[in-house]
């Protein structure tokens, strides 16, 4: 958060940003961002993504592509964690 006398800028939490990226699932960039955020928040399974989406958005707004996106993000995130010198973000 940035605050000055005349301006207050707030940023969404990493979990909320992840939910937005998963729901939008627009292109490869959203997928890459989601993988980074997935690791940042400490998720390890696709089910955690699905649970995040269902907690953030109404079930009627979720489509099969959202489940696919969660599964793909979990696989790519695991690959990044397993890669030597991957630069994966560690949850601290």
PDB file of N, CA and C in Angstrom:
ATOM      1  N   UNK A   1       0.851  -1.167   0.000  1.00  0.00           N
ATOM      2  CA  UNK A   1       0.000   0.000   0.000  1.00  0.00           C
ATOM      3  C   UNK A   1       0.899   1.232   0.000  1.00  0.00           C
ATOM      4  N   UNK A   2       0.537   2.201  -0.815  1.00  0.00           N
ATOM      5  CA  UNK A   2       1.220   3.494  -0.855  1.00  0.00           C
ATOM      6  C   UNK A   2       0.244   4.543  -0.359  1.00  0.00           C
ATOM      7  N   UNK A   3       0.738   5.430   0.476  1.00  0.00           N
ATOM      8  CA  UNK A   3      -0.129   6.488   0.988  1.00  0.00           C
ATOM      9  C   UNK A   3       0.660   7.784   1.058  1.00  0.00           C
ATOM     10  N   UNK A   4       0.041   8.833   0.583  1.00  0.00           N
ATOM     11  CA  UNK A   4       0.599  10.178   0.733  1.00  0.00           C
ATOM     12  C   UNK A   4      -0.540  11.068   1.220  1.00  0.00           C
ATOM     13  N   UNK A   5      -0.270  12.332   1.305  1.00  0.00           N
ATOM     14  CA  UNK A   5      -1.293  13.252   1.805  1.00  0.00           C
ATOM     15  C   UNK A   5      -2.553  13.239   0.935  1.00  0.00           C
ATOM     16  N   UNK A   6      -2.381  13.042  -0.380  1.00  0.00           N
ATOM     17  CA  UNK A   6      -3.513  13.155  -1.299  1.00  0.00           C
ATOM     18  C   UNK A   6      -3.873  11.855  -2.010  1.00  0.00           C
ATOM     19  N   UNK A   7      -3.078  10.827  -1.804  1.00  0.00           N
ATOM     20  CA  UNK A   7      -3.284   9.615  -2.588  1.00  0.00           C
ATOM     21  C   UNK A   7      -3.095   8.371  -1.739  1.00  0.00           C
ATOM     22  N   UNK A   8      -4.003   7.430  -1.882  1.00  0.00           N
ATOM     23  CA  UNK A   8      -3.904   6.131  -1.226  1.00  0.00           C
ATOM     24  C   UNK A   8      -4.056   5.064  -2.304  1.00  0.00           C
ATOM     25  N   UNK A   9      -3.045   4.221  -2.464  1.00  0.00           N
ATOM     26  CA  UNK A   9      -3.074   3.156  -3.461  1.00  0.00           C
ATOM     27  C   UNK A   9      -3.051   1.824  -2.729  1.00  0.00           C
ATOM     28  N   UNK A  10      -4.056   0.995  -2.957  1.00  0.00           N
ATOM     29  CA  UNK A  10      -4.114  -0.324  -2.342  1.00  0.00           C
ATOM     30  C   UNK A  10      -3.965  -1.382  -3.426  1.00  0.00           C
ATOM     31  N   UNK A  11      -3.354  -2.486  -3.053  1.00  0.00           N
ATOM     32  CA  UNK A  11      -3.116  -3.582  -3.982  1.00  0.00           C
ATOM     33  C   UNK A  11      -3.814  -4.825  -3.447  1.00  0.00           C
ATOM     34  N   UNK A  12      -4.392  -5.591  -4.349  1.00  0.00           N
ATOM     35  CA  UNK A  12      -5.052  -6.838  -3.956  1.00  0.00           C
ATOM     36  C   UNK A  12      -4.021  -7.824  -3.415  1.00  0.00           C
ATOM     37  N   UNK A  13      -4.471  -8.708  -2.550  1.00  0.00           N
ATOM     38  CA  UNK A  13      -3.586  -9.733  -1.989  1.00  0.00           C
ATOM     39  C   UNK A  13      -3.169 -10.722  -3.078  1.00  0.00           C
ATOM     40  N   UNK A  14      -2.059 -11.431  -2.886  1.00  0.00           N
ATOM     41  CA  UNK A  14      -1.654 -12.439  -3.875  1.00  0.00           C
ATOM     42  C   UNK A  14      -2.736 -13.490  -4.137  1.00  0.00           C
ATOM     43  N   UNK A  15      -3.469 -13.891  -3.104  1.00  0.00           N
ATOM     44  CA  UNK A  15      -4.544 -14.879  -3.310  1.00  0.00           C
ATOM     45  C   UNK A  15      -5.640 -14.314  -4.204  1.00  0.00           C
ATOM     46  N   UNK A  16      -6.018 -13.067  -3.966  1.00  0.00           N
ATOM     47  CA  UNK A  16      -7.075 -12.477  -4.787  1.00  0.00           C
ATOM     48  C   UNK A  16      -6.593 -12.267  -6.220  1.00  0.00           C
ATOM     49  N   UNK A  17      -5.338 -11.847  -6.381  1.00  0.00           N
ATOM     50  CA  UNK A  17      -4.775 -11.713  -7.729  1.00  0.00           C
ATOM     51  C   UNK A  17      -4.772 -13.063  -8.442  1.00  0.00           C
ATOM     52  N   UNK A  18      -4.429 -14.131  -7.713  1.00  0.00           N
ATOM     53  CA  UNK A  18      -4.449 -15.472  -8.297  1.00  0.00           C
ATOM     54  C   UNK A  18      -5.860 -15.829  -8.746  1.00  0.00           C
ATOM     55  N   UNK A  19      -6.843 -15.567  -7.913  1.00  0.00           N
ATOM     56  CA  UNK A  19      -8.232 -15.864  -8.282  1.00  0.00           C
ATOM     57  C   UNK A  19      -8.633 -15.102  -9.546  1.00  0.00           C
ATOM     58  N   UNK A  20      -8.240 -13.841  -9.643  1.00  0.00           N
ATOM     59  CA  UNK A  20      -8.580 -13.052 -10.833  1.00  0.00           C
ATOM     60  C   UNK A  20      -7.891 -13.601 -12.078  1.00  0.00           C
ATOM     61  N   UNK A  21      -6.624 -13.981 -11.957  1.00  0.00           N
ATOM     62  CA  UNK A  21      -5.893 -14.539 -13.101  1.00  0.00           C
ATOM     63  C   UNK A  21      -6.508 -15.862 -13.543  1.00  0.00           C
ATOM     64  N   UNK A  22      -6.863 -16.705 -12.579  1.00  0.00           N
ATOM     65  CA  UNK A  22      -7.468 -17.999 -12.907  1.00  0.00           C
ATOM     66  C   UNK A  22      -8.813 -17.819 -13.597  1.00  0.00           C
ATOM     67  N   UNK A  23      -9.599 -16.902 -13.097  1.00  0.00           N
ATOM     68  CA  UNK A  23     -10.925 -16.692 -13.689  1.00  0.00           C
ATOM     69  C   UNK A  23     -10.817 -16.080 -15.083  1.00  0.00           C
ATOM     70  N   UNK A  24      -9.908 -15.128 -15.252  1.00  0.00           N
ATOM     71  CA  UNK A  24      -9.750 -14.485 -16.562  1.00  0.00           C
ATOM     72  C   UNK A  24      -9.181 -15.463 -17.578  1.00  0.00           C
ATOM     73  N   UNK A  25      -8.164 -16.185 -17.188  1.00  0.00           N
ATOM     74  CA  UNK A  25      -7.472 -17.181 -18.032  1.00  0.00           C
ATOM     75  C   UNK A  25      -7.460 -16.780 -19.506  1.00  0.00           C
ATOM     76  N   UNK A  26      -6.946 -15.576 -19.772  1.00  0.00           N
ATOM     77  CA  UNK A  26      -6.991 -15.008 -21.113  1.00  0.00           C
ATOM     78  C   UNK A  26      -5.938 -15.555 -22.056  1.00  0.00           C
ATOM     79  N   UNK A  27      -4.730 -15.701 -21.579  1.00  0.00           N
ATOM     80  CA  UNK A  27      -3.657 -16.109 -22.479  1.00  0.00           C
ATOM     81  C   UNK A  27      -2.508 -16.695 -21.676  1.00  0.00           C
ATOM     82  N   UNK A  28      -1.421 -16.938 -22.349  1.00  0.00           N
ATOM     83  CA  UNK A  28      -0.233 -17.516 -21.707  1.00  0.00           C
ATOM     84  C   UNK A  28       0.286 -16.622 -20.583  1.00  0.00           C
ATOM     85  N   UNK A  29       0.128 -15.318 -20.725  1.00  0.00           N
ATOM     86  CA  UNK A  29       0.591 -14.400 -19.679  1.00  0.00           C
ATOM     87  C   UNK A  29      -0.179 -14.624 -18.382  1.00  0.00           C
ATOM     88  N   UNK A  30      -1.498 -14.793 -18.460  1.00  0.00           N
ATOM     89  CA  UNK A  30      -2.272 -15.083 -17.251  1.00  0.00           C
ATOM     90  C   UNK A  30      -1.815 -16.396 -16.635  1.00  0.00           C
ATOM     91  N   UNK A  31      -1.517 -17.368 -17.467  1.00  0.00           N
ATOM     92  CA  UNK A  31      -1.058 -18.666 -16.978  1.00  0.00           C
ATOM     93  C   UNK A  31       0.282 -18.518 -16.255  1.00  0.00           C
ATOM     94  N   UNK A  32       1.213 -17.802 -16.851  1.00  0.00           N
ATOM     95  CA  UNK A  32       2.520 -17.583 -16.216  1.00  0.00           C
ATOM     96  C   UNK A  32       2.380 -16.819 -14.899  1.00  0.00           C
ATOM     97  N   UNK A  33       1.554 -15.787 -14.898  1.00  0.00           N
ATOM     98  CA  UNK A  33       1.323 -15.014 -13.671  1.00  0.00           C
ATOM     99  C   UNK A  33       0.683 -15.891 -12.596  1.00  0.00           C
ATOM    100  N   UNK A  34      -0.267 -16.730 -12.995  1.00  0.00           N
ATOM    101  CA  UNK A  34      -0.954 -17.602 -12.045  1.00  0.00           C
ATOM    102  C   UNK A  34       0.017 -18.604 -11.423  1.00  0.00           C
ATOM    103  N   UNK A  35       0.942 -19.120 -12.221  1.00  0.00           N
ATOM    104  CA  UNK A  35       1.946 -20.054 -11.696  1.00  0.00           C
ATOM    105  C   UNK A  35       2.801 -19.361 -10.639  1.00  0.00           C
ATOM    106  N   UNK A  36       3.243 -18.163 -10.925  1.00  0.00           N
ATOM    107  CA  UNK A  36       4.043 -17.396  -9.969  1.00  0.00           C
ATOM    108  C   UNK A  36       3.258 -17.155  -8.676  1.00  0.00           C
ATOM    109  N   UNK A  37       2.010 -16.732  -8.799  1.00  0.00           N
ATOM    110  CA  UNK A  37       1.179 -16.460  -7.626  1.00  0.00           C
ATOM    111  C   UNK A  37       0.842 -17.737  -6.861  1.00  0.00           C
ATOM    112  N   UNK A  38       0.597 -18.831  -7.572  1.00  0.00           N
ATOM    113  CA  UNK A  38       0.315 -20.138  -6.965  1.00  0.00           C
ATOM    114  C   UNK A  38       1.452 -20.509  -6.011  1.00  0.00           C
ATOM    115  N   UNK A  39       2.683 -20.390  -6.488  1.00  0.00           N
ATOM    116  CA  UNK A  39       3.832 -20.702  -5.640  1.00  0.00           C
ATOM    117  C   UNK A  39       3.998 -19.675  -4.524  1.00  0.00           C
ATOM    118  N   UNK A  40       3.723 -18.420  -4.810  1.00  0.00           N
ATOM    119  CA  UNK A  40       3.858 -17.348  -3.816  1.00  0.00           C
ATOM    120  C   UNK A  40       2.945 -17.581  -2.614  1.00  0.00           C
ATOM    121  N   UNK A  41       1.708 -18.017  -2.863  1.00  0.00           N
ATOM    122  CA  UNK A  41       0.768 -18.222  -1.753  1.00  0.00           C
ATOM    123  C   UNK A  41       0.939 -19.591  -1.094  1.00  0.00           C
ATOM    124  N   UNK A  42       1.803 -20.429  -1.668  1.00  0.00           N
ATOM    125  CA  UNK A  42       2.089 -21.715  -1.041  1.00  0.00           C
ATOM    126  C   UNK A  42       1.152 -22.844  -1.412  1.00  0.00           C
ATOM    127  N   UNK A  43       0.400 -22.683  -2.485  1.00  0.00           N
ATOM    128  CA  UNK A  43      -0.474 -23.767  -2.932  1.00  0.00           C
ATOM    129  C   UNK A  43       0.366 -24.896  -3.518  1.00  0.00           C
ATOM    130  N   UNK A  44      -0.165 -26.122  -3.419  1.00  0.00           N
ATOM    131  CA  UNK A  44       0.527 -27.281  -3.988  1.00  0.00           C
ATOM    132  C   UNK A  44      -0.385 -28.155  -4.838  1.00  0.00           C
ATOM    133  N   UNK A  45      -1.696 -27.915  -4.797  1.00  0.00           N
ATOM    134  CA  UNK A  45      -2.627 -28.757  -5.556  1.00  0.00           C
ATOM    135  C   UNK A  45      -3.608 -27.912  -6.366  1.00  0.00           C
ATOM    136  N   UNK A  46      -4.117 -28.526  -7.428  1.00  0.00           N
ATOM    137  CA  UNK A  46      -5.142 -27.866  -8.242  1.00  0.00           C
ATOM    138  C   UNK A  46      -6.402 -27.629  -7.418  1.00  0.00           C
ATOM    139  N   UNK A  47      -6.695 -28.536  -6.494  1.00  0.00           N
ATOM    140  CA  UNK A  47      -7.900 -28.396  -5.677  1.00  0.00           C
ATOM    141  C   UNK A  47      -7.868 -27.114  -4.856  1.00  0.00           C
ATOM    142  N   UNK A  48      -6.701 -26.691  -4.416  1.00  0.00           N
ATOM    143  CA  UNK A  48      -6.597 -25.430  -3.670  1.00  0.00           C
ATOM    144  C   UNK A  48      -7.017 -24.257  -4.552  1.00  0.00           C
ATOM    145  N   UNK A  49      -6.657 -24.308  -5.827  1.00  0.00           N
ATOM    146  CA  UNK A  49      -7.081 -23.263  -6.778  1.00  0.00           C
ATOM    147  C   UNK A  49      -8.592 -23.287  -6.961  1.00  0.00           C
ATOM    148  N   UNK A  50      -9.124 -24.475  -7.140  1.00  0.00           N
ATOM    149  CA  UNK A  50     -10.568 -24.615  -7.334  1.00  0.00           C
ATOM    150  C   UNK A  50     -11.307 -24.103  -6.105  1.00  0.00           C
ATOM    151  N   UNK A  51     -10.814 -24.459  -4.923  1.00  0.00           N
ATOM    152  CA  UNK A  51     -11.430 -23.974  -3.683  1.00  0.00           C
ATOM    153  C   UNK A  51     -11.360 -22.452  -3.592  1.00  0.00           C
ATOM    154  N   UNK A  52     -10.234 -21.878  -4.003  1.00  0.00           N
ATOM    155  CA  UNK A  52     -10.093 -20.419  -4.008  1.00  0.00           C
ATOM    156  C   UNK A  52     -11.116 -19.786  -4.946  1.00  0.00           C
ATOM    157  N   UNK A  53     -11.258 -20.339  -6.141  1.00  0.00           N
ATOM    158  CA  UNK A  53     -12.222 -19.798  -7.104  1.00  0.00           C
ATOM    159  C   UNK A  53     -13.650 -19.890  -6.585  1.00  0.00           C
ATOM    160  N   UNK A  54     -14.016 -21.027  -6.001  1.00  0.00           N
ATOM    161  CA  UNK A  54     -15.393 -21.178  -5.515  1.00  0.00           C
ATOM    162  C   UNK A  54     -15.659 -20.309  -4.290  1.00  0.00           C
ATOM    163  N   UNK A  55     -14.610 -19.976  -3.542  1.00  0.00           N
ATOM    164  CA  UNK A  55     -14.780 -19.073  -2.403  1.00  0.00           C
ATOM    165  C   UNK A  55     -14.850 -17.616  -2.848  1.00  0.00           C
ATOM    166  N   UNK A  56     -14.251 -17.314  -4.001  1.00  0.00           N
ATOM    167  CA  UNK A  56     -14.167 -15.932  -4.475  1.00  0.00           C
ATOM    168  C   UNK A  56     -15.299 -15.566  -5.428  1.00  0.00           C
ATOM    169  N   UNK A  57     -15.717 -16.517  -6.249  1.00  0.00           N
ATOM    170  CA  UNK A  57     -16.750 -16.274  -7.259  1.00  0.00           C
ATOM    171  C   UNK A  57     -17.889 -17.263  -7.074  1.00  0.00           C
ATOM    172  N   UNK A  58     -19.072 -16.882  -7.528  1.00  0.00           N
ATOM    173  CA  UNK A  58     -20.199 -17.806  -7.436  1.00  0.00           C
ATOM    174  C   UNK A  58     -19.973 -18.984  -8.373  1.00  0.00           C
ATOM    175  N   UNK A  59     -20.439 -20.139  -7.963  1.00  0.00           N
ATOM    176  CA  UNK A  59     -20.219 -21.364  -8.727  1.00  0.00           C
ATOM    177  C   UNK A  59     -20.749 -21.244 -10.146  1.00  0.00           C
ATOM    178  N   UNK A  60     -21.837 -20.534 -10.359  1.00  0.00           N
ATOM    179  CA  UNK A  60     -22.405 -20.370 -11.689  1.00  0.00           C
ATOM    180  C   UNK A  60     -21.501 -19.617 -12.646  1.00  0.00           C
ATOM    181  N   UNK A  61     -20.532 -18.875 -12.119  1.00  0.00           N
ATOM    182  CA  UNK A  61     -19.605 -18.120 -12.964  1.00  0.00           C
ATOM    183  C   UNK A  61     -18.406 -18.955 -13.396  1.00  0.00           C
ATOM    184  N   UNK A  62     -18.254 -20.138 -12.830  1.00  0.00           N
ATOM    185  CA  UNK A  62     -17.092 -20.969 -13.128  1.00  0.00           C
ATOM    186  C   UNK A  62     -17.412 -21.961 -14.233  1.00  0.00           C
ATOM    187  N   UNK A  63     -16.478 -22.109 -15.142  1.00  0.00           N
ATOM    188  CA  UNK A  63     -16.642 -22.962 -16.319  1.00  0.00           C
ATOM    189  C   UNK A  63     -15.617 -24.091 -16.290  1.00  0.00           C
ATOM    190  N   UNK A  64     -15.789 -25.112 -17.130  1.00  0.00           N
ATOM    191  CA  UNK A  64     -14.806 -26.198 -17.189  1.00  0.00           C
ATOM    192  C   UNK A  64     -13.382 -25.694 -17.458  1.00  0.00           C
ATOM    193  N   UNK A  65     -13.253 -24.610 -18.224  1.00  0.00           N
ATOM    194  CA  UNK A  65     -11.916 -24.090 -18.509  1.00  0.00           C
ATOM    195  C   UNK A  65     -11.215 -23.618 -17.247  1.00  0.00           C
ATOM    196  N   UNK A  66     -11.968 -23.207 -16.227  1.00  0.00           N
ATOM    197  CA  UNK A  66     -11.354 -22.776 -14.978  1.00  0.00           C
ATOM    198  C   UNK A  66     -10.712 -23.963 -14.258  1.00  0.00           C
ATOM    199  N   UNK A  67     -11.370 -25.121 -14.282  1.00  0.00           N
ATOM    200  CA  UNK A  67     -10.791 -26.327 -13.682  1.00  0.00           C
ATOM    201  C   UNK A  67      -9.523 -26.715 -14.445  1.00  0.00           C
ATOM    202  N   UNK A  68      -9.596 -26.656 -15.777  1.00  0.00           N
ATOM    203  CA  UNK A  68      -8.420 -26.964 -16.590  1.00  0.00           C
ATOM    204  C   UNK A  68      -7.279 -26.015 -16.243  1.00  0.00           C
ATOM    205  N   UNK A  69      -7.585 -24.744 -16.111  1.00  0.00           N
ATOM    206  CA  UNK A  69      -6.566 -23.743 -15.785  1.00  0.00           C
ATOM    207  C   UNK A  69      -5.922 -24.068 -14.438  1.00  0.00           C
ATOM    208  N   UNK A  70      -6.731 -24.437 -13.451  1.00  0.00           N
ATOM    209  CA  UNK A  70      -6.195 -24.792 -12.134  1.00  0.00           C
ATOM    210  C   UNK A  70      -5.257 -25.989 -12.232  1.00  0.00           C
ATOM    211  N   UNK A  71      -5.657 -26.978 -12.999  1.00  0.00           N
ATOM    212  CA  UNK A  71      -4.823 -28.172 -13.153  1.00  0.00           C
ATOM    213  C   UNK A  71      -3.513 -27.840 -13.863  1.00  0.00           C
ATOM    214  N   UNK A  72      -3.586 -27.038 -14.905  1.00  0.00           N
ATOM    215  CA  UNK A  72      -2.388 -26.660 -15.651  1.00  0.00           C
ATOM    216  C   UNK A  72      -1.447 -25.815 -14.789  1.00  0.00           C
ATOM    217  N   UNK A  73      -2.000 -24.903 -14.022  1.00  0.00           N
ATOM    218  CA  UNK A  73      -1.184 -24.067 -13.135  1.00  0.00           C
ATOM    219  C   UNK A  73      -0.471 -24.937 -12.099  1.00  0.00           C
ATOM    220  N   UNK A  74      -1.177 -25.887 -11.512  1.00  0.00           N
ATOM    221  CA  UNK A  74      -0.567 -26.758 -10.502  1.00  0.00           C
ATOM    222  C   UNK A  74       0.590 -27.563 -11.094  1.00  0.00           C
ATOM    223  N   UNK A  75       0.410 -28.084 -12.303  1.00  0.00           N
ATOM    224  CA  UNK A  75       1.468 -28.863 -12.965  1.00  0.00           C
ATOM    225  C   UNK A  75       2.681 -27.981 -13.253  1.00  0.00           C
ATOM    226  N   UNK A  76       2.444 -26.811 -13.818  1.00  0.00           N
ATOM    227  CA  UNK A  76       3.565 -25.911 -14.151  1.00  0.00           C
ATOM    228  C   UNK A  76       4.268 -25.397 -12.894  1.00  0.00           C
ATOM    229  N   UNK A  77       3.492 -25.131 -11.858  1.00  0.00           N
ATOM    230  CA  UNK A  77       4.088 -24.648 -10.609  1.00  0.00           C
ATOM    231  C   UNK A  77       4.984 -25.725 -10.001  1.00  0.00           C
ATOM    232  N   UNK A  78       4.534 -26.971 -10.040  1.00  0.00           N
ATOM    233  CA  UNK A  78       5.353 -28.072  -9.519  1.00  0.00           C
ATOM    234  C   UNK A  78       6.640 -28.205 -10.328  1.00  0.00           C
ATOM    235  N   UNK A  79       6.531 -28.070 -11.637  1.00  0.00           N
ATOM    236  CA  UNK A  79       7.722 -28.148 -12.493  1.00  0.00           C
ATOM    237  C   UNK A  79       8.719 -27.055 -12.146  1.00  0.00           C
ATOM    238  N   UNK A  80       8.218 -25.861 -11.888  1.00  0.00           N
ATOM    239  CA  UNK A  80       9.120 -24.758 -11.518  1.00  0.00           C
ATOM    240  C   UNK A  80       9.782 -25.018 -10.174  1.00  0.00           C
ATOM    241  N   UNK A  81       9.007 -25.567  -9.224  1.00  0.00           N
ATOM    242  CA  UNK A  81       9.584 -25.861  -7.907  1.00  0.00           C
ATOM    243  C   UNK A  81      10.640 -26.956  -8.007  1.00  0.00           C
ATOM    244  N   UNK A  82      10.426 -27.919  -8.901  1.00  0.00           N
ATOM    245  CA  UNK A  82      11.349 -29.048  -9.048  1.00  0.00           C
ATOM    246  C   UNK A  82      12.597 -28.702  -9.841  1.00  0.00           C
ATOM    247  N   UNK A  83      12.531 -27.678 -10.663  1.00  0.00           N
ATOM    248  CA  UNK A  83      13.660 -27.317 -11.522  1.00  0.00           C
ATOM    249  C   UNK A  83      14.792 -26.715 -10.689  1.00  0.00           C
ATOM    250  N   UNK A  84      16.035 -27.176 -10.925  1.00  0.00           N
ATOM    251  CA  UNK A  84      17.151 -26.568 -10.193  1.00  0.00           C
ATOM    252  C   UNK A  84      17.324 -25.108 -10.620  1.00  0.00           C
ATOM    253  N   UNK A  85      17.589 -24.260  -9.641  1.00  0.00           N
ATOM    254  CA  UNK A  85      17.774 -22.823  -9.907  1.00  0.00           C
ATOM    255  C   UNK A  85      16.607 -22.234 -10.679  1.00  0.00           C
ATOM    256  N   UNK A  86      15.410 -22.665 -10.316  1.00  0.00           N
ATOM    257  CA  UNK A  86      14.218 -22.231 -11.053  1.00  0.00           C
ATOM    258  C   UNK A  86      13.840 -20.794 -10.770  1.00  0.00           C
ATOM    259  N   UNK A  87      14.306 -20.264  -9.654  1.00  0.00           N
ATOM    260  CA  UNK A  87      13.909 -18.910  -9.296  1.00  0.00           C
ATOM    261  C   UNK A  87      12.490 -18.862  -8.768  1.00  0.00           C
ATOM    262  N   UNK A  88      11.956 -20.032  -8.391  1.00  0.00           N
ATOM    263  CA  UNK A  88      10.599 -20.078  -7.852  1.00  0.00           C
ATOM    264  C   UNK A  88      10.537 -19.248  -6.580  1.00  0.00           C
ATOM    265  N   UNK A  89       9.447 -18.564  -6.400  1.00  0.00           N
ATOM    266  CA  UNK A  89       9.256 -17.725  -5.229  1.00  0.00           C
ATOM    267  C   UNK A  89       8.968 -18.620  -4.044  1.00  0.00           C
ATOM    268  N   UNK A  90       9.710 -18.411  -2.974  1.00  0.00           N
ATOM    269  CA  UNK A  90       9.478 -19.188  -1.765  1.00  0.00           C
ATOM    270  C   UNK A  90       8.540 -18.424  -0.864  1.00  0.00           C
ATOM    271  N   UNK A  91       7.614 -19.141  -0.284  1.00  0.00           N
ATOM    272  CA  UNK A  91       6.647 -18.544   0.628  1.00  0.00           C
ATOM    273  C   UNK A  91       7.323 -18.342   1.976  1.00  0.00           C
ATOM    274  N   UNK A  92       7.510 -17.093   2.373  1.00  0.00           N
ATOM    275  CA  UNK A  92       8.178 -16.803   3.641  1.00  0.00           C
ATOM    276  C   UNK A  92       7.251 -16.149   4.604  1.00  0.00           C
TER     277      UNK A  92
END
